[in-house]
PDB file of all heavy atoms in Angstrom:
ATOM      1  N   GLY A   1     -27.321  -3.142 -15.612  1.00  0.00           N
ATOM      2  CA  GLY A   1     -26.025  -2.475 -15.698  1.00  0.00           C
ATOM      3  C   GLY A   1     -26.109  -1.009 -15.339  1.00  0.00           C
ATOM      4  O   GLY A   1     -25.316  -0.505 -14.531  1.00  0.00           O
ATOM      5  N   SER A   2     -27.091  -0.297 -15.908  1.00  0.00           N
ATOM      6  CA  SER A   2     -27.237   1.135 -15.642  1.00  0.00           C
ATOM      7  C   SER A   2     -27.629   1.390 -14.188  1.00  0.00           C
ATOM      8  O   SER A   2     -27.111   2.301 -13.541  1.00  0.00           O
ATOM      9  CB  SER A   2     -28.286   1.744 -16.578  1.00  0.00           C
ATOM     10  OG  SER A   2     -27.889   1.624 -17.926  1.00  0.00           O
ATOM     11  N   VAL A   3     -28.561   0.567 -13.664  1.00  0.00           N
ATOM     12  CA  VAL A   3     -28.994   0.742 -12.280  1.00  0.00           C
ATOM     13  C   VAL A   3     -27.837   0.487 -11.324  1.00  0.00           C
ATOM     14  O   VAL A   3     -27.608   1.243 -10.373  1.00  0.00           O
ATOM     15  CB  VAL A   3     -30.172  -0.200 -11.961  1.00  0.00           C
ATOM     16  CG1 VAL A   3     -30.489  -0.182 -10.465  1.00  0.00           C
ATOM     17  CG2 VAL A   3     -31.399   0.192 -12.759  1.00  0.00           C
ATOM     18  N   LEU A   4     -27.091  -0.576 -11.567  1.00  0.00           N
ATOM     19  CA  LEU A   4     -25.971  -0.920 -10.701  1.00  0.00           C
ATOM     20  C   LEU A   4     -24.933   0.187 -10.689  1.00  0.00           C
ATOM     21  O   LEU A   4     -24.413   0.568  -9.634  1.00  0.00           O
ATOM     22  CB  LEU A   4     -25.345  -2.235 -11.158  1.00  0.00           C
ATOM     23  CG  LEU A   4     -24.130  -2.731 -10.368  1.00  0.00           C
ATOM     24  CD1 LEU A   4     -24.494  -2.919  -8.904  1.00  0.00           C
ATOM     25  CD2 LEU A   4     -23.616  -4.030 -10.963  1.00  0.00           C
ATOM     26  N   LEU A   5     -24.641   0.731 -11.863  1.00  0.00           N
ATOM     27  CA  LEU A   5     -23.656   1.806 -11.951  1.00  0.00           C
ATOM     28  C   LEU A   5     -24.135   3.022 -11.164  1.00  0.00           C
ATOM     29  O   LEU A   5     -23.357   3.663 -10.456  1.00  0.00           O
ATOM     30  CB  LEU A   5     -23.415   2.182 -13.415  1.00  0.00           C
ATOM     31  CG  LEU A   5     -22.335   3.240 -13.687  1.00  0.00           C
ATOM     32  CD1 LEU A   5     -20.986   2.775 -13.151  1.00  0.00           C
ATOM     33  CD2 LEU A   5     -22.232   3.532 -15.178  1.00  0.00           C
ATOM     34  N   GLY A   6     -25.428   3.342 -11.274  1.00  0.00           N
ATOM     35  CA  GLY A   6     -25.965   4.475 -10.537  1.00  0.00           C
ATOM     36  C   GLY A   6     -25.908   4.270  -9.035  1.00  0.00           C
ATOM     37  O   GLY A   6     -25.583   5.193  -8.277  1.00  0.00           O
ATOM     38  N   VAL A   7     -26.224   3.040  -8.577  1.00  0.00           N
ATOM     39  CA  VAL A   7     -26.180   2.743  -7.142  1.00  0.00           C
ATOM     40  C   VAL A   7     -24.761   2.850  -6.615  1.00  0.00           C
ATOM     41  O   VAL A   7     -24.507   3.439  -5.550  1.00  0.00           O
ATOM     42  CB  VAL A   7     -26.742   1.330  -6.870  1.00  0.00           C
ATOM     43  CG1 VAL A   7     -26.496   0.929  -5.419  1.00  0.00           C
ATOM     44  CG2 VAL A   7     -28.230   1.295  -7.170  1.00  0.00           C
ATOM     45  N   LEU A   8     -23.805   2.312  -7.352  1.00  0.00           N
ATOM     46  CA  LEU A   8     -22.415   2.366  -6.915  1.00  0.00           C
ATOM     47  C   LEU A   8     -21.928   3.806  -6.831  1.00  0.00           C
ATOM     48  O   LEU A   8     -21.236   4.197  -5.888  1.00  0.00           O
ATOM     49  CB  LEU A   8     -21.540   1.563  -7.881  1.00  0.00           C
ATOM     50  CG  LEU A   8     -21.731   0.048  -7.850  1.00  0.00           C
ATOM     51  CD1 LEU A   8     -20.952  -0.613  -8.975  1.00  0.00           C
ATOM     52  CD2 LEU A   8     -21.301  -0.533  -6.518  1.00  0.00           C
ATOM     53  N   ARG A   9     -22.291   4.606  -7.807  1.00  0.00           N
ATOM     54  CA  ARG A   9     -21.875   6.008  -7.792  1.00  0.00           C
ATOM     55  C   ARG A   9     -22.474   6.751  -6.598  1.00  0.00           C
ATOM     56  O   ARG A   9     -21.819   7.567  -5.967  1.00  0.00           O
ATOM     57  CB  ARG A   9     -22.298   6.686  -9.093  1.00  0.00           C
ATOM     58  CG  ARG A   9     -21.378   6.391 -10.262  1.00  0.00           C
ATOM     59  CD  ARG A   9     -21.931   6.983 -11.545  1.00  0.00           C
ATOM     60  NE  ARG A   9     -20.975   6.909 -12.642  1.00  0.00           N
ATOM     61  CZ  ARG A   9     -21.272   7.122 -13.910  1.00  0.00           C
ATOM     62  NH1 ARG A   9     -22.524   7.419 -14.250  1.00  0.00           N
ATOM     63  NH2 ARG A   9     -20.360   7.040 -14.858  1.00  0.00           N
ATOM     64  N   SER A  10     -23.747   6.468  -6.303  1.00  0.00           N
ATOM     65  CA  SER A  10     -24.405   7.167  -5.199  1.00  0.00           C
ATOM     66  C   SER A  10     -23.808   6.799  -3.850  1.00  0.00           C
ATOM     67  O   SER A  10     -23.912   7.567  -2.891  1.00  0.00           O
ATOM     68  CB  SER A  10     -25.903   6.858  -5.201  1.00  0.00           C
ATOM     69  OG  SER A  10     -26.142   5.500  -4.857  1.00  0.00           O
ATOM     70  N   GLU A  11     -23.172   5.642  -3.753  1.00  0.00           N
ATOM     71  CA  GLU A  11     -22.587   5.194  -2.492  1.00  0.00           C
ATOM     72  C   GLU A  11     -21.186   5.740  -2.258  1.00  0.00           C
ATOM     73  O   GLU A  11     -20.646   5.598  -1.161  1.00  0.00           O
ATOM     74  CB  GLU A  11     -22.551   3.662  -2.447  1.00  0.00           C
ATOM     75  CG  GLU A  11     -23.903   3.016  -2.247  1.00  0.00           C
ATOM     76  CD  GLU A  11     -24.523   3.401  -0.925  1.00  0.00           C
ATOM     77  OE1 GLU A  11     -23.810   3.368   0.097  1.00  0.00           O
ATOM     78  OE2 GLU A  11     -25.707   3.761  -0.917  1.00  0.00           O
ATOM     79  N   LEU A  12     -20.582   6.336  -3.267  1.00  0.00           N
ATOM     80  CA  LEU A  12     -19.258   6.916  -3.074  1.00  0.00           C
ATOM     81  C   LEU A  12     -19.355   8.130  -2.161  1.00  0.00           C
ATOM     82  O   LEU A  12     -20.349   8.863  -2.195  1.00  0.00           O
ATOM     83  CB  LEU A  12     -18.654   7.325  -4.418  1.00  0.00           C
ATOM     84  CG  LEU A  12     -18.250   6.183  -5.346  1.00  0.00           C
ATOM     85  CD1 LEU A  12     -17.825   6.729  -6.697  1.00  0.00           C
ATOM     86  CD2 LEU A  12     -17.132   5.365  -4.737  1.00  0.00           C
ATOM     87  N   PRO A  13     -18.347   8.369  -1.329  1.00  0.00           N
ATOM     88  CA  PRO A  13     -18.377   9.540  -0.439  1.00  0.00           C
ATOM     89  C   PRO A  13     -18.520  10.829  -1.233  1.00  0.00           C
ATOM     90  O   PRO A  13     -18.097  10.922  -2.385  1.00  0.00           O
ATOM     91  CB  PRO A  13     -17.013   9.468   0.264  1.00  0.00           C
ATOM     92  CG  PRO A  13     -16.596   8.044   0.144  1.00  0.00           C
ATOM     93  CD  PRO A  13     -17.145   7.568  -1.163  1.00  0.00           C
ATOM     94  N   ARG A  14     -19.128  11.828  -0.592  1.00  0.00           N
ATOM     95  CA  ARG A  14     -19.310  13.118  -1.236  1.00  0.00           C
ATOM     96  C   ARG A  14     -18.049  13.972  -1.115  1.00  0.00           C
ATOM     97  O   ARG A  14     -17.134  13.657  -0.380  1.00  0.00           O
ATOM     98  CB  ARG A  14     -20.492  13.860  -0.595  1.00  0.00           C
ATOM     99  CG  ARG A  14     -21.794  13.081  -0.604  1.00  0.00           C
ATOM    100  CD  ARG A  14     -22.310  12.878  -2.015  1.00  0.00           C
ATOM    101  NE  ARG A  14     -23.578  12.160  -2.029  1.00  0.00           N
ATOM    102  CZ  ARG A  14     -24.208  11.806  -3.137  1.00  0.00           C
ATOM    103  NH1 ARG A  14     -23.678  12.096  -4.311  1.00  0.00           N
ATOM    104  NH2 ARG A  14     -25.345  11.150  -3.081  1.00  0.00           N
ATOM    105  N   GLY A  15     -18.076  15.077  -1.848  1.00  0.00           N
ATOM    106  CA  GLY A  15     -16.997  16.055  -1.752  1.00  0.00           C
ATOM    107  C   GLY A  15     -15.697  15.583  -2.347  1.00  0.00           C
ATOM    108  O   GLY A  15     -15.652  14.790  -3.287  1.00  0.00           O
ATOM    109  N   ARG A  16     -14.596  16.079  -1.765  1.00  0.00           N
ATOM    110  CA  ARG A  16     -13.267  15.802  -2.310  1.00  0.00           C
ATOM    111  C   ARG A  16     -12.945  14.314  -2.283  1.00  0.00           C
ATOM    112  O   ARG A  16     -12.375  13.763  -3.208  1.00  0.00           O
ATOM    113  CB  ARG A  16     -12.231  16.574  -1.499  1.00  0.00           C
ATOM    114  CG  ARG A  16     -10.865  16.634  -2.138  1.00  0.00           C
ATOM    115  CD  ARG A  16      -9.894  17.350  -1.237  1.00  0.00           C
ATOM    116  NE  ARG A  16     -10.481  18.587  -0.711  1.00  0.00           N
ATOM    117  CZ  ARG A  16      -9.996  19.244   0.334  1.00  0.00           C
ATOM    118  NH1 ARG A  16      -8.944  18.776   0.977  1.00  0.00           N
ATOM    119  NH2 ARG A  16     -10.579  20.352   0.752  1.00  0.00           N
ATOM    120  N   ARG A  17     -13.336  13.658  -1.190  1.00  0.00           N
ATOM    121  CA  ARG A  17     -13.048  12.226  -1.088  1.00  0.00           C
ATOM    122  C   ARG A  17     -13.781  11.437  -2.157  1.00  0.00           C
ATOM    123  O   ARG A  17     -13.268  10.477  -2.710  1.00  0.00           O
ATOM    124  CB  ARG A  17     -13.448  11.705   0.289  1.00  0.00           C
ATOM    125  CG  ARG A  17     -12.593  12.236   1.419  1.00  0.00           C
ATOM    126  CD  ARG A  17     -12.802  11.459   2.680  1.00  0.00           C
ATOM    127  NE  ARG A  17     -14.205  11.458   3.094  1.00  0.00           N
ATOM    128  CZ  ARG A  17     -14.694  10.683   4.051  1.00  0.00           C
ATOM    129  NH1 ARG A  17     -13.906   9.821   4.662  1.00  0.00           N
ATOM    130  NH2 ARG A  17     -15.972  10.741   4.372  1.00  0.00           N
ATOM    131  N   GLY A  18     -15.026  11.842  -2.437  1.00  0.00           N
ATOM    132  CA  GLY A  18     -15.790  11.147  -3.462  1.00  0.00           C
ATOM    133  C   GLY A  18     -15.171  11.284  -4.836  1.00  0.00           C
ATOM    134  O   GLY A  18     -15.161  10.348  -5.628  1.00  0.00           O
ATOM    135  N   LYS A  19     -14.643  12.454  -5.135  1.00  0.00           N
ATOM    136  CA  LYS A  19     -14.023  12.672  -6.443  1.00  0.00           C
ATOM    137  C   LYS A  19     -12.798  11.793  -6.618  1.00  0.00           C
ATOM    138  O   LYS A  19     -12.569  11.220  -7.676  1.00  0.00           O
ATOM    139  CB  LYS A  19     -13.649  14.149  -6.605  1.00  0.00           C
ATOM    140  CG  LYS A  19     -14.849  15.079  -6.727  1.00  0.00           C
ATOM    141  CD  LYS A  19     -14.406  16.521  -6.908  1.00  0.00           C
ATOM    142  CE  LYS A  19     -15.631  17.444  -7.036  1.00  0.00           C
ATOM    143  NZ  LYS A  19     -15.225  18.847  -7.205  1.00  0.00           N
ATOM    144  N   VAL A  20     -11.996  11.700  -5.546  1.00  0.00           N
ATOM    145  CA  VAL A  20     -10.805  10.851  -5.631  1.00  0.00           C
ATOM    146  C   VAL A  20     -11.208   9.389  -5.756  1.00  0.00           C
ATOM    147  O   VAL A  20     -10.652   8.626  -6.547  1.00  0.00           O
ATOM    148  CB  VAL A  20      -9.902  11.063  -4.403  1.00  0.00           C
ATOM    149  CG1 VAL A  20      -8.696  10.120  -4.462  1.00  0.00           C
ATOM    150  CG2 VAL A  20      -9.435  12.511  -4.337  1.00  0.00           C
ATOM    151  N   GLY A  21     -12.229   8.973  -4.969  1.00  0.00           N
ATOM    152  CA  GLY A  21     -12.690   7.586  -5.058  1.00  0.00           C
ATOM    153  C   GLY A  21     -13.235   7.262  -6.425  1.00  0.00           C
ATOM    154  O   GLY A  21     -12.988   6.178  -6.970  1.00  0.00           O
ATOM    155  N   SER A  22     -13.977   8.201  -7.005  1.00  0.00           N
ATOM    156  CA  SER A  22     -14.518   7.985  -8.349  1.00  0.00           C
ATOM    157  C   SER A  22     -13.405   7.836  -9.364  1.00  0.00           C
ATOM    158  O   SER A  22     -13.502   7.038 -10.294  1.00  0.00           O
ATOM    159  CB  SER A  22     -15.431   9.156  -8.732  1.00  0.00           C
ATOM    160  OG  SER A  22     -16.543   9.224  -7.872  1.00  0.00           O
ATOM    161  N   ALA A  23     -12.346   8.611  -9.195  1.00  0.00           N
ATOM    162  CA  ALA A  23     -11.224   8.524 -10.128  1.00  0.00           C
ATOM    163  C   ALA A  23     -10.601   7.135 -10.108  1.00  0.00           C
ATOM    164  O   ALA A  23     -10.173   6.621 -11.138  1.00  0.00           O
ATOM    165  CB  ALA A  23     -10.174   9.581  -9.776  1.00  0.00           C
ATOM    166  N   PHE A  24     -10.583   6.517  -8.908  1.00  0.00           N
ATOM    167  CA  PHE A  24     -10.029   5.170  -8.800  1.00  0.00           C
ATOM    168  C   PHE A  24     -10.938   4.130  -9.469  1.00  0.00           C
ATOM    169  O   PHE A  24     -10.462   3.162 -10.059  1.00  0.00           O
ATOM    170  CB  PHE A  24      -9.852   4.773  -7.325  1.00  0.00           C
ATOM    171  CG  PHE A  24      -8.577   5.260  -6.705  1.00  0.00           C
ATOM    172  CD1 PHE A  24      -8.606   6.280  -5.775  1.00  0.00           C
ATOM    173  CD2 PHE A  24      -7.361   4.700  -7.049  1.00  0.00           C
ATOM    174  CE1 PHE A  24      -7.447   6.733  -5.192  1.00  0.00           C
ATOM    175  CE2 PHE A  24      -6.191   5.146  -6.477  1.00  0.00           C
ATOM    176  CZ  PHE A  24      -6.222   6.168  -5.540  1.00  0.00           C
ATOM    177  N   LEU A  25     -12.250   4.333  -9.355  1.00  0.00           N
ATOM    178  CA  LEU A  25     -13.182   3.264  -9.687  1.00  0.00           C
ATOM    179  C   LEU A  25     -13.963   3.430 -10.986  1.00  0.00           C
ATOM    180  O   LEU A  25     -14.564   2.478 -11.454  1.00  0.00           O
ATOM    181  CB  LEU A  25     -14.202   3.114  -8.548  1.00  0.00           C
ATOM    182  CG  LEU A  25     -13.655   2.662  -7.201  1.00  0.00           C
ATOM    183  CD1 LEU A  25     -14.763   2.671  -6.170  1.00  0.00           C
ATOM    184  CD2 LEU A  25     -13.043   1.286  -7.291  1.00  0.00           C
ATOM    185  N   ILE A  26     -13.993   4.631 -11.567  1.00  0.00           N
ATOM    186  CA  ILE A  26     -14.923   4.887 -12.655  1.00  0.00           C
ATOM    187  C   ILE A  26     -14.752   3.935 -13.830  1.00  0.00           C
ATOM    188  O   ILE A  26     -15.721   3.437 -14.396  1.00  0.00           O
ATOM    189  CB  ILE A  26     -14.817   6.363 -13.132  1.00  0.00           C
ATOM    190  CG1 ILE A  26     -15.963   6.686 -14.074  1.00  0.00           C
ATOM    191  CG2 ILE A  26     -13.450   6.635 -13.755  1.00  0.00           C
ATOM    192  CD1 ILE A  26     -17.313   6.615 -13.451  1.00  0.00           C
ATOM    193  N   SER A  27     -13.504   3.650 -14.222  1.00  0.00           N
ATOM    194  CA  SER A  27     -13.300   2.757 -15.368  1.00  0.00           C
ATOM    195  C   SER A  27     -13.754   1.343 -15.050  1.00  0.00           C
ATOM    196  O   SER A  27     -14.333   0.654 -15.894  1.00  0.00           O
ATOM    197  CB  SER A  27     -11.821   2.754 -15.790  1.00  0.00           C
ATOM    198  OG  SER A  27     -11.007   2.279 -14.734  1.00  0.00           O
ATOM    199  N   ASN A  28     -13.526   0.914 -13.803  1.00  0.00           N
ATOM    200  CA  ASN A  28     -13.942  -0.429 -13.420  1.00  0.00           C
ATOM    201  C   ASN A  28     -15.460  -0.542 -13.312  1.00  0.00           C
ATOM    202  O   ASN A  28     -16.043  -1.572 -13.635  1.00  0.00           O
ATOM    203  CB  ASN A  28     -13.305  -0.813 -12.078  1.00  0.00           C
ATOM    204  CG  ASN A  28     -11.818  -1.071 -12.213  1.00  0.00           C
ATOM    205  OD1 ASN A  28     -11.337  -1.399 -13.286  1.00  0.00           O
ATOM    206  ND2 ASN A  28     -11.086  -0.903 -11.131  1.00  0.00           N
ATOM    207  N   LEU A  29     -16.118   0.535 -12.853  1.00  0.00           N
ATOM    208  CA  LEU A  29     -17.567   0.516 -12.775  1.00  0.00           C
ATOM    209  C   LEU A  29     -18.176   0.398 -14.168  1.00  0.00           C
ATOM    210  O   LEU A  29     -19.186  -0.285 -14.366  1.00  0.00           O
ATOM    211  CB  LEU A  29     -18.074   1.782 -12.095  1.00  0.00           C
ATOM    212  CG  LEU A  29     -17.657   1.976 -10.629  1.00  0.00           C
ATOM    213  CD1 LEU A  29     -18.273   3.249 -10.066  1.00  0.00           C
ATOM    214  CD2 LEU A  29     -18.057   0.784  -9.784  1.00  0.00           C
ATOM    215  N   LYS A  30     -17.581   1.068 -15.136  1.00  0.00           N
ATOM    216  CA  LYS A  30     -18.073   0.981 -16.507  1.00  0.00           C
ATOM    217  C   LYS A  30     -17.900  -0.435 -17.049  1.00  0.00           C
ATOM    218  O   LYS A  30     -18.724  -0.926 -17.817  1.00  0.00           O
ATOM    219  CB  LYS A  30     -17.335   1.982 -17.392  1.00  0.00           C
ATOM    220  CG  LYS A  30     -17.721   3.428 -17.122  1.00  0.00           C
ATOM    221  CD  LYS A  30     -16.979   4.392 -18.033  1.00  0.00           C
ATOM    222  CE  LYS A  30     -17.412   5.831 -17.783  1.00  0.00           C
ATOM    223  NZ  LYS A  30     -16.674   6.785 -18.642  1.00  0.00           N
ATOM    224  N   ARG A  31     -16.829  -1.101 -16.640  1.00  0.00           N
ATOM    225  CA  ARG A  31     -16.621  -2.478 -17.088  1.00  0.00           C
ATOM    226  C   ARG A  31     -17.682  -3.404 -16.511  1.00  0.00           C
ATOM    227  O   ARG A  31     -18.163  -4.310 -17.193  1.00  0.00           O
ATOM    228  CB  ARG A  31     -15.227  -2.959 -16.677  1.00  0.00           C
ATOM    229  CG  ARG A  31     -14.110  -2.310 -17.477  1.00  0.00           C
ATOM    230  CD  ARG A  31     -12.751  -2.796 -16.994  1.00  0.00           C
ATOM    231  NE  ARG A  31     -11.687  -2.145 -17.749  1.00  0.00           N
ATOM    232  CZ  ARG A  31     -10.396  -2.310 -17.512  1.00  0.00           C
ATOM    233  NH1 ARG A  31     -10.014  -3.119 -16.534  1.00  0.00           N
ATOM    234  NH2 ARG A  31      -9.498  -1.683 -18.231  1.00  0.00           N
ATOM    235  N   ILE A  32     -18.066  -3.164 -15.265  1.00  0.00           N
ATOM    236  CA  ILE A  32     -19.129  -3.968 -14.665  1.00  0.00           C
ATOM    237  C   ILE A  32     -20.418  -3.780 -15.447  1.00  0.00           C
ATOM    238  O   ILE A  32     -21.137  -4.736 -15.752  1.00  0.00           O
ATOM    239  CB  ILE A  32     -19.338  -3.575 -13.187  1.00  0.00           C
ATOM    240  CG1 ILE A  32     -18.098  -3.941 -12.366  1.00  0.00           C
ATOM    241  CG2 ILE A  32     -20.566  -4.282 -12.611  1.00  0.00           C
ATOM    242  CD1 ILE A  32     -18.174  -3.485 -10.925  1.00  0.00           C
ATOM    243  N   LYS A  33     -20.718  -2.536 -15.792  1.00  0.00           N
ATOM    244  CA  LYS A  33     -21.924  -2.246 -16.551  1.00  0.00           C
ATOM    245  C   LYS A  33     -21.904  -2.988 -17.883  1.00  0.00           C
ATOM    246  O   LYS A  33     -22.900  -3.564 -18.311  1.00  0.00           O
ATOM    247  CB  LYS A  33     -22.056  -0.746 -16.793  1.00  0.00           C
ATOM    248  CG  LYS A  33     -23.282  -0.343 -17.621  1.00  0.00           C
ATOM    249  CD  LYS A  33     -23.344   1.161 -17.776  1.00  0.00           C
ATOM    250  CE  LYS A  33     -24.566   1.570 -18.601  1.00  0.00           C
ATOM    251  NZ  LYS A  33     -24.477   1.108 -20.000  1.00  0.00           N
ATOM    252  N   LYS A  34     -20.763  -2.976 -18.561  1.00  0.00           N
ATOM    253  CA  LYS A  34     -20.657  -3.652 -19.851  1.00  0.00           C
ATOM    254  C   LYS A  34     -20.811  -5.160 -19.691  1.00  0.00           C
ATOM    255  O   LYS A  34     -21.419  -5.827 -20.532  1.00  0.00           O
ATOM    256  CB  LYS A  34     -19.314  -3.316 -20.518  1.00  0.00           C
ATOM    257  CG  LYS A  34     -19.232  -1.901 -21.067  1.00  0.00           C
ATOM    258  CD  LYS A  34     -17.858  -1.653 -21.676  1.00  0.00           C
ATOM    259  CE  LYS A  34     -17.794  -0.246 -22.269  1.00  0.00           C
ATOM    260  NZ  LYS A  34     -18.593  -0.151 -23.492  1.00  0.00           N
ATOM    261  N   ARG A  35     -20.250  -5.718 -18.609  1.00  0.00           N
ATOM    262  CA  ARG A  35     -20.372  -7.158 -18.384  1.00  0.00           C
ATOM    263  C   ARG A  35     -21.823  -7.575 -18.237  1.00  0.00           C
ATOM    264  O   ARG A  35     -22.210  -8.695 -18.581  1.00  0.00           O
ATOM    265  CB  ARG A  35     -19.603  -7.548 -17.120  1.00  0.00           C
ATOM    266  CG  ARG A  35     -18.101  -7.638 -17.269  1.00  0.00           C
ATOM    267  CD  ARG A  35     -17.676  -8.968 -17.846  1.00  0.00           C
ATOM    268  NE  ARG A  35     -18.184 -10.073 -17.070  1.00  0.00           N
ATOM    269  CZ  ARG A  35     -17.602 -10.549 -15.979  1.00  0.00           C
ATOM    270  NH1 ARG A  35     -16.511 -10.000 -15.518  1.00  0.00           N
ATOM    271  NH2 ARG A  35     -18.127 -11.571 -15.341  1.00  0.00           N
ATOM    272  N   LEU A  36     -22.657  -6.669 -17.680  1.00  0.00           N
ATOM    273  CA  LEU A  36     -24.049  -6.999 -17.436  1.00  0.00           C
ATOM    274  C   LEU A  36     -24.950  -6.654 -18.607  1.00  0.00           C
ATOM    275  O   LEU A  36     -26.137  -6.955 -18.580  1.00  0.00           O
ATOM    276  CB  LEU A  36     -24.553  -6.253 -16.190  1.00  0.00           C
ATOM    277  CG  LEU A  36     -23.940  -6.698 -14.864  1.00  0.00           C
ATOM    278  CD1 LEU A  36     -24.423  -5.794 -13.742  1.00  0.00           C
ATOM    279  CD2 LEU A  36     -24.287  -8.145 -14.564  1.00  0.00           C
ATOM    280  N   ASP A  37     -24.398  -6.013 -19.615  1.00  0.00           N
ATOM    281  CA  ASP A  37     -25.203  -5.567 -20.750  1.00  0.00           C
ATOM    282  C   ASP A  37     -25.177  -6.627 -21.844  1.00  0.00           C
ATOM    283  O   ASP A  37     -24.156  -6.833 -22.488  1.00  0.00           O
ATOM    284  CB  ASP A  37     -24.660  -4.240 -21.269  1.00  0.00           C
ATOM    285  CG  ASP A  37     -25.542  -3.627 -22.349  1.00  0.00           C
ATOM    286  OD1 ASP A  37     -26.557  -4.266 -22.695  1.00  0.00           O
ATOM    287  OD2 ASP A  37     -25.212  -2.545 -22.836  1.00  0.00           O
ATOM    288  N   HIS A  38     -26.322  -7.311 -22.074  1.00  0.00           N
ATOM    289  CA  HIS A  38     -26.338  -8.383 -23.072  1.00  0.00           C
ATOM    290  C   HIS A  38     -26.034  -7.854 -24.469  1.00  0.00           C
ATOM    291  O   HIS A  38     -25.569  -8.583 -25.341  1.00  0.00           O
ATOM    292  CB  HIS A  38     -27.704  -9.076 -23.068  1.00  0.00           C
ATOM    293  CG  HIS A  38     -28.658  -8.513 -24.059  1.00  0.00           C
ATOM    294  ND1 HIS A  38     -29.346  -7.343 -23.840  1.00  0.00           N
ATOM    295  CD2 HIS A  38     -29.008  -8.930 -25.306  1.00  0.00           C
ATOM    296  CE1 HIS A  38     -30.089  -7.075 -24.893  1.00  0.00           C
ATOM    297  NE2 HIS A  38     -29.909  -8.020 -25.788  1.00  0.00           N
ATOM    298  N   ALA A  39     -26.308  -6.545 -24.689  1.00  0.00           N
ATOM    299  CA  ALA A  39     -26.069  -5.980 -26.016  1.00  0.00           C
ATOM    300  C   ALA A  39     -24.594  -5.972 -26.379  1.00  0.00           C
ATOM    301  O   ALA A  39     -24.232  -5.881 -27.544  1.00  0.00           O
ATOM    302  CB  ALA A  39     -26.622  -4.553 -26.085  1.00  0.00           C
TER     303      ALA A  39
END
């Protein structure tokens, strides 16, 4: 979960576009991490 979240974040565009893209996806990326976390 943690590795996947880090990889997805690193693939987002840099600069202003990356910030906007992160705003769209950050909550969903966290949900993916939780889905993969057996804890």
